[in-house]
Each structure stands twice: as C-alpha cells, then as structure tokens.
C-alpha atoms as a PDB file:
ATOM      1  CA  UNK A   1       8.029  -1.868   6.773  1.00  0.00           C
ATOM      2  CA  UNK A   2       5.553  -3.617   8.796  1.00  0.00           C
ATOM      3  CA  UNK A   3       5.833  -5.286  12.314  1.00  0.00           C
ATOM      4  CA  UNK A   4       6.428  -8.759  10.845  1.00  0.00           C
ATOM      5  CA  UNK A   5       9.306  -7.575   8.885  1.00  0.00           C
ATOM      6  CA  UNK A   6      10.929  -6.110  11.948  1.00  0.00           C
ATOM      7  CA  UNK A   7      10.330  -9.390  13.833  1.00  0.00           C
ATOM      8  CA  UNK A   8      12.191 -11.149  10.881  1.00  0.00           C
ATOM      9  CA  UNK A   9      15.045  -8.726  11.042  1.00  0.00           C
ATOM     10  CA  UNK A  10      15.375  -8.958  14.824  1.00  0.00           C
ATOM     11  CA  UNK A  11      15.396 -12.705  14.485  1.00  0.00           C
ATOM     12  CA  UNK A  12      18.423 -12.446  12.159  1.00  0.00           C
ATOM     13  CA  UNK A  13      20.052  -9.969  14.597  1.00  0.00           C
ATOM     14  CA  UNK A  14      19.448 -12.295  17.491  1.00  0.00           C
ATOM     15  CA  UNK A  15      20.919 -15.283  15.737  1.00  0.00           C
ATOM     16  CA  UNK A  16      24.182 -13.411  15.432  1.00  0.00           C
ATOM     17  CA  UNK A  17      24.519 -11.766  18.869  1.00  0.00           C
ATOM     18  CA  UNK A  18      22.281 -13.986  21.095  1.00  0.00           C
ATOM     19  CA  UNK A  19      20.081 -11.066  22.218  1.00  0.00           C
ATOM     20  CA  UNK A  20      16.687 -11.776  23.773  1.00  0.00           C
ATOM     21  CA  UNK A  21      14.102 -10.007  21.700  1.00  0.00           C
ATOM     22  CA  UNK A  22      11.085  -8.801  23.713  1.00  0.00           C
ATOM     23  CA  UNK A  23       7.891  -7.048  22.677  1.00  0.00           C
ATOM     24  CA  UNK A  24       9.153  -3.553  23.657  1.00  0.00           C
ATOM     25  CA  UNK A  25      12.227  -4.311  21.464  1.00  0.00           C
ATOM     26  CA  UNK A  26      10.052  -4.889  18.462  1.00  0.00           C
ATOM     27  CA  UNK A  27       7.922  -1.773  19.138  1.00  0.00           C
ATOM     28  CA  UNK A  28      11.090   0.398  19.358  1.00  0.00           C
ATOM     29  CA  UNK A  29      12.801  -1.108  16.342  1.00  0.00           C
ATOM     30  CA  UNK A  30       9.574  -0.759  14.329  1.00  0.00           C
ATOM     31  CA  UNK A  31       9.246   2.993  15.285  1.00  0.00           C
ATOM     32  CA  UNK A  32      12.721   3.620  14.034  1.00  0.00           C
ATOM     33  CA  UNK A  33      12.697   1.506  10.896  1.00  0.00           C
ATOM     34  CA  UNK A  34       9.086   1.736   9.648  1.00  0.00           C
ATOM     35  CA  UNK A  35       9.839   4.240   6.941  1.00  0.00           C
ATOM     36  CA  UNK A  36      12.601   2.138   5.407  1.00  0.00           C
ATOM     37  CA  UNK A  37      12.412  -0.843   3.047  1.00  0.00           C
ATOM     38  CA  UNK A  38      12.837  -4.344   4.424  1.00  0.00           C
ATOM     39  CA  UNK A  39      15.491  -5.341   1.942  1.00  0.00           C
ATOM     40  CA  UNK A  40      17.505  -2.124   2.586  1.00  0.00           C
ATOM     41  CA  UNK A  41      17.508  -2.864   6.335  1.00  0.00           C
ATOM     42  CA  UNK A  42      18.391  -6.523   5.792  1.00  0.00           C
ATOM     43  CA  UNK A  43      21.427  -5.453   3.707  1.00  0.00           C
ATOM     44  CA  UNK A  44      22.522  -2.888   6.438  1.00  0.00           C
ATOM     45  CA  UNK A  45      22.206  -5.579   9.115  1.00  0.00           C
ATOM     46  CA  UNK A  46      24.179  -8.016   7.179  1.00  0.00           C
ATOM     47  CA  UNK A  47      26.941  -5.598   6.309  1.00  0.00           C
ATOM     48  CA  UNK A  48      27.070  -4.447   9.927  1.00  0.00           C
ATOM     49  CA  UNK A  49      27.457  -8.052  11.145  1.00  0.00           C
ATOM     50  CA  UNK A  50      30.139  -8.691   8.508  1.00  0.00           C
ATOM     51  CA  UNK A  51      32.146  -5.447   9.300  1.00  0.00           C
ATOM     52  CA  UNK A  52      31.635  -4.705  13.048  1.00  0.00           C
ATOM     53  CA  UNK A  53      31.571  -6.285  16.412  1.00  0.00           C
ATOM     54  CA  UNK A  54      29.571  -3.454  17.835  1.00  0.00           C
ATOM     55  CA  UNK A  55      26.268  -4.227  19.421  1.00  0.00           C
ATOM     56  CA  UNK A  56      23.692  -3.413  16.675  1.00  0.00           C
ATOM     57  CA  UNK A  57      21.284  -0.553  17.316  1.00  0.00           C
ATOM     58  CA  UNK A  58      18.523   0.895  14.997  1.00  0.00           C
ATOM     59  CA  UNK A  59      20.813   3.913  14.469  1.00  0.00           C
ATOM     60  CA  UNK A  60      23.398   1.690  12.822  1.00  0.00           C
ATOM     61  CA  UNK A  61      20.827   0.356  10.420  1.00  0.00           C
ATOM     62  CA  UNK A  62      19.532   3.829   9.538  1.00  0.00           C
ATOM     63  CA  UNK A  63      23.060   5.196   9.042  1.00  0.00           C
ATOM     64  CA  UNK A  64      23.902   2.375   6.608  1.00  0.00           C
ATOM     65  CA  UNK A  65      20.524   2.764   4.740  1.00  0.00           C
ATOM     66  CA  UNK A  66      21.021   6.520   4.419  1.00  0.00           C
ATOM     67  CA  UNK A  67      24.652   6.084   3.281  1.00  0.00           C
ATOM     68  CA  UNK A  68      23.653   3.659   0.544  1.00  0.00           C
ATOM     69  CA  UNK A  69      20.803   5.887  -0.701  1.00  0.00           C
ATOM     70  CA  UNK A  70      23.140   8.812  -0.769  1.00  0.00           C
ATOM     71  CA  UNK A  71      25.684   6.849  -2.628  1.00  0.00           C
ATOM     72  CA  UNK A  72      23.052   5.877  -5.202  1.00  0.00           C
ATOM     73  CA  UNK A  73      22.095   9.504  -5.727  1.00  0.00           C
ATOM     74  CA  UNK A  74      25.715  10.634  -6.063  1.00  0.00           C
ATOM     75  CA  UNK A  75      26.372   7.894  -8.645  1.00  0.00           C
ATOM     76  CA  UNK A  76      23.234   8.689 -10.690  1.00  0.00           C
ATOM     77  CA  UNK A  77      23.164  10.820 -13.628  1.00  0.00           C
ATOM     78  CA  UNK A  78      22.715  14.547 -12.527  1.00  0.00           C
ATOM     79  CA  UNK A  79      19.696  14.831 -14.772  1.00  0.00           C
ATOM     80  CA  UNK A  80      17.876  11.891 -12.912  1.00  0.00           C
ATOM     81  CA  UNK A  81      18.827  13.064  -9.286  1.00  0.00           C
ATOM     82  CA  UNK A  82      15.833  15.472  -8.817  1.00  0.00           C
ATOM     83  CA  UNK A  83      13.484  12.597  -9.568  1.00  0.00           C
ATOM     84  CA  UNK A  84      15.299  10.345  -7.054  1.00  0.00           C
ATOM     85  CA  UNK A  85      14.793  12.689  -4.156  1.00  0.00           C
ATOM     86  CA  UNK A  86      11.212  13.679  -5.061  1.00  0.00           C
ATOM     87  CA  UNK A  87      11.386  17.547  -5.246  1.00  0.00           C
ATOM     88  CA  UNK A  88      10.860  18.271  -8.878  1.00  0.00           C
ATOM     89  CA  UNK A  89      10.519  21.807  -9.881  1.00  0.00           C
ATOM     90  CA  UNK A  90      12.838  23.110  -7.044  1.00  0.00           C
ATOM     91  CA  UNK A  91      16.028  24.753  -8.404  1.00  0.00           C
ATOM     92  CA  UNK A  92      19.004  22.261  -8.122  1.00  0.00           C
ATOM     93  CA  UNK A  93      22.691  22.546  -8.615  1.00  0.00           C
ATOM     94  CA  UNK A  94      24.534  20.215 -11.088  1.00  0.00           C
ATOM     95  CA  UNK A  95      24.883  17.535  -8.366  1.00  0.00           C
ATOM     96  CA  UNK A  96      21.218  17.314  -7.815  1.00  0.00           C
ATOM     97  CA  UNK A  97      21.117  19.258  -4.513  1.00  0.00           C
ATOM     98  CA  UNK A  98      18.749  22.033  -3.789  1.00  0.00           C
ATOM     99  CA  UNK A  99      20.503  25.195  -5.042  1.00  0.00           C
ATOM    100  CA  UNK A 100      20.322  27.429  -2.153  1.00  0.00           C
ATOM    101  CA  UNK A 101      22.225  30.196  -4.025  1.00  0.00           C
ATOM    102  CA  UNK A 102      19.420  30.585  -6.659  1.00  0.00           C
ATOM    103  CA  UNK A 103      17.572  33.859  -6.777  1.00  0.00           C
ATOM    104  CA  UNK A 104      14.214  33.696  -5.260  1.00  0.00           C
ATOM    105  CA  UNK A 105      11.329  34.074  -7.699  1.00  0.00           C
ATOM    106  CA  UNK A 106       9.432  35.999  -5.067  1.00  0.00           C
ATOM    107  CA  UNK A 107      10.332  39.338  -3.695  1.00  0.00           C
ATOM    108  CA  UNK A 108       9.950  39.010   0.120  1.00  0.00           C
ATOM    109  CA  UNK A 109       8.896  41.946   2.087  1.00  0.00           C
ATOM    110  CA  UNK A 110      11.790  43.935   3.606  1.00  0.00           C
ATOM    111  CA  UNK A 111      10.484  43.466   7.105  1.00  0.00           C
ATOM    112  CA  UNK A 112      10.516  39.639   6.965  1.00  0.00           C
ATOM    113  CA  UNK A 113      13.242  37.902   9.089  1.00  0.00           C
ATOM    114  CA  UNK A 114      15.392  35.105   7.779  1.00  0.00           C
ATOM    115  CA  UNK A 115      13.206  32.625   9.707  1.00  0.00           C
ATOM    116  CA  UNK A 116      10.075  33.867   7.900  1.00  0.00           C
ATOM    117  CA  UNK A 117      11.758  33.613   4.510  1.00  0.00           C
ATOM    118  CA  UNK A 118      12.940  30.139   5.295  1.00  0.00           C
ATOM    119  CA  UNK A 119       9.611  29.065   6.411  1.00  0.00           C
ATOM    120  CA  UNK A 120       8.078  30.433   3.290  1.00  0.00           C
ATOM    121  CA  UNK A 121      10.660  28.670   1.206  1.00  0.00           C
ATOM    122  CA  UNK A 122       9.846  25.277   2.709  1.00  0.00           C
ATOM    123  CA  UNK A 123       6.129  25.954   2.424  1.00  0.00           C
ATOM    124  CA  UNK A 124       6.740  26.489  -1.337  1.00  0.00           C
ATOM    125  CA  UNK A 125       8.626  23.128  -1.556  1.00  0.00           C
ATOM    126  CA  UNK A 126       5.782  21.338   0.238  1.00  0.00           C
ATOM    127  CA  UNK A 127       3.310  23.002  -2.109  1.00  0.00           C
ATOM    128  CA  UNK A 128       5.129  21.926  -5.122  1.00  0.00           C
ATOM    129  CA  UNK A 129       5.636  18.373  -3.801  1.00  0.00           C
ATOM    130  CA  UNK A 130       1.837  18.144  -3.066  1.00  0.00           C
ATOM    131  CA  UNK A 131       0.851  19.620  -6.446  1.00  0.00           C
ATOM    132  CA  UNK A 132       3.082  17.066  -8.273  1.00  0.00           C
ATOM    133  CA  UNK A 133       1.718  14.234  -6.286  1.00  0.00           C
ATOM    134  CA  UNK A 134      -1.856  15.284  -7.149  1.00  0.00           C
ATOM    135  CA  UNK A 135      -1.037  15.770 -10.806  1.00  0.00           C
ATOM    136  CA  UNK A 136       0.770  12.373 -11.074  1.00  0.00           C
ATOM    137  CA  UNK A 137      -2.088  10.629  -9.240  1.00  0.00           C
ATOM    138  CA  UNK A 138      -4.657   8.886 -11.354  1.00  0.00           C
ATOM    139  CA  UNK A 139      -8.161   9.652 -10.264  1.00  0.00           C
ATOM    140  CA  UNK A 140      -9.683   6.197 -10.452  1.00  0.00           C
ATOM    141  CA  UNK A 141     -11.676   4.464  -7.664  1.00  0.00           C
ATOM    142  CA  UNK A 142      -8.495   2.797  -6.268  1.00  0.00           C
ATOM    143  CA  UNK A 143      -6.364   5.867  -5.961  1.00  0.00           C
ATOM    144  CA  UNK A 144      -6.372   7.635  -2.502  1.00  0.00           C
ATOM    145  CA  UNK A 145      -7.931  10.958  -2.417  1.00  0.00           C
ATOM    146  CA  UNK A 146      -7.016  14.122  -0.510  1.00  0.00           C
ATOM    147  CA  UNK A 147      -8.727  14.412   2.873  1.00  0.00           C
ATOM    148  CA  UNK A 148     -11.859  16.403   2.880  1.00  0.00           C
ATOM    149  CA  UNK A 149     -11.799  20.006   4.265  1.00  0.00           C
ATOM    150  CA  UNK A 150     -13.823  21.131   7.287  1.00  0.00           C
ATOM    151  CA  UNK A 151     -16.865  22.251   5.242  1.00  0.00           C
ATOM    152  CA  UNK A 152     -17.178  18.888   3.503  1.00  0.00           C
ATOM    153  CA  UNK A 153     -16.747  16.975   6.753  1.00  0.00           C
ATOM    154  CA  UNK A 154     -19.445  19.140   8.422  1.00  0.00           C
ATOM    155  CA  UNK A 155     -21.940  18.508   5.589  1.00  0.00           C
ATOM    156  CA  UNK A 156     -21.270  14.715   5.782  1.00  0.00           C
ATOM    157  CA  UNK A 157     -21.792  14.797   9.511  1.00  0.00           C
ATOM    158  CA  UNK A 158     -25.102  16.691   9.121  1.00  0.00           C
ATOM    159  CA  UNK A 159     -26.262  14.135   6.539  1.00  0.00           C
ATOM    160  CA  UNK A 160     -25.210  11.244   8.803  1.00  0.00           C
ATOM    161  CA  UNK A 161     -27.039  12.733  11.817  1.00  0.00           C
ATOM    162  CA  UNK A 162     -30.170  13.278   9.818  1.00  0.00           C
ATOM    163  CA  UNK A 163     -30.017   9.686   8.699  1.00  0.00           C
ATOM    164  CA  UNK A 164     -29.554   8.399  12.211  1.00  0.00           C
ATOM    165  CA  UNK A 165     -32.284  10.652  13.505  1.00  0.00           C
ATOM    166  CA  UNK A 166     -34.841   8.984  11.248  1.00  0.00           C
END
C-alpha cells in the first residue's frame, strides 16, 4: 500500500471519529500498514467502526487483517494451504501448518545447540523460498533480477571509473 492509500484510509477514519490527521500520523500509519493490501485494510476499518467504539489504531487494523487471512487459510482445502502461505516444499501437517514434528532430512552435528538447529532450519526455509521464487520467475527483460554479488559490482565500478577517466 502506498502513501496515498493511507491518506484515503485515514480520511475515512477521520470522518467517523473526527480525528485531526497530521503528516506524522500518515507516516506512522504507512509504516505499519504498507505491507497490507488497501482493500483488506479498508474492510478492517469498516468492520471496526461497525463493531467497536474504541479509538482506532493501526494495531486494530492489522489484527483484523491477519484474522481474516487466517480464517481464509483455515477454510481452504488442505492441499491448497501450502500455496497460500508461500512455503512450498516445507513439510506440513494436514492443516497446512509447518510440521515441526517431522524428522529432519539432515543429521545435525551432536554438538549443535537447539538455537543452531533452529537457525539452520529457518535458513533452509528461506533458501527453498528463494529458489522457488527464482524458478517461478520468468527471465524476460521486465522481470526483476537478483542483486549482483560483490565481484560483479566491483567489475562494474571498475568499468564505470575507466569510462569516467577518459
């Protein structure tokens, strides 16, 4: 959601509770709500205004959006749930949640602490998510590419400096 969407939402909120919306309010609400969809937030605001007299805060909106998303996941077919939460390839239970009781495919070293095993587990999930995103991505000119590594950036900078030196 962009800043203009937040302004629209705060206009709706201020119409209901007569609050004065200032520039810092817009910044704070944008920081909290930028990762959510405008329509989801609008639904959450409207339902809050229908059901509660409590002064609306960003946390109220976030709680309602998350509750609606969780409800959608729980109502979905168990076979579709892994695709809804975006962690394909990670072992899941019949409800679509990460199956933490599954045996690890990797034998961890005996000296590793539980924190090291947990960190490695989440690294695996991130790697799978990244590899799935890369495999699903079409490599045409409009698709975003992965950032360059340090060697590629260094070579580019050498080339740019040589062109500028001419």
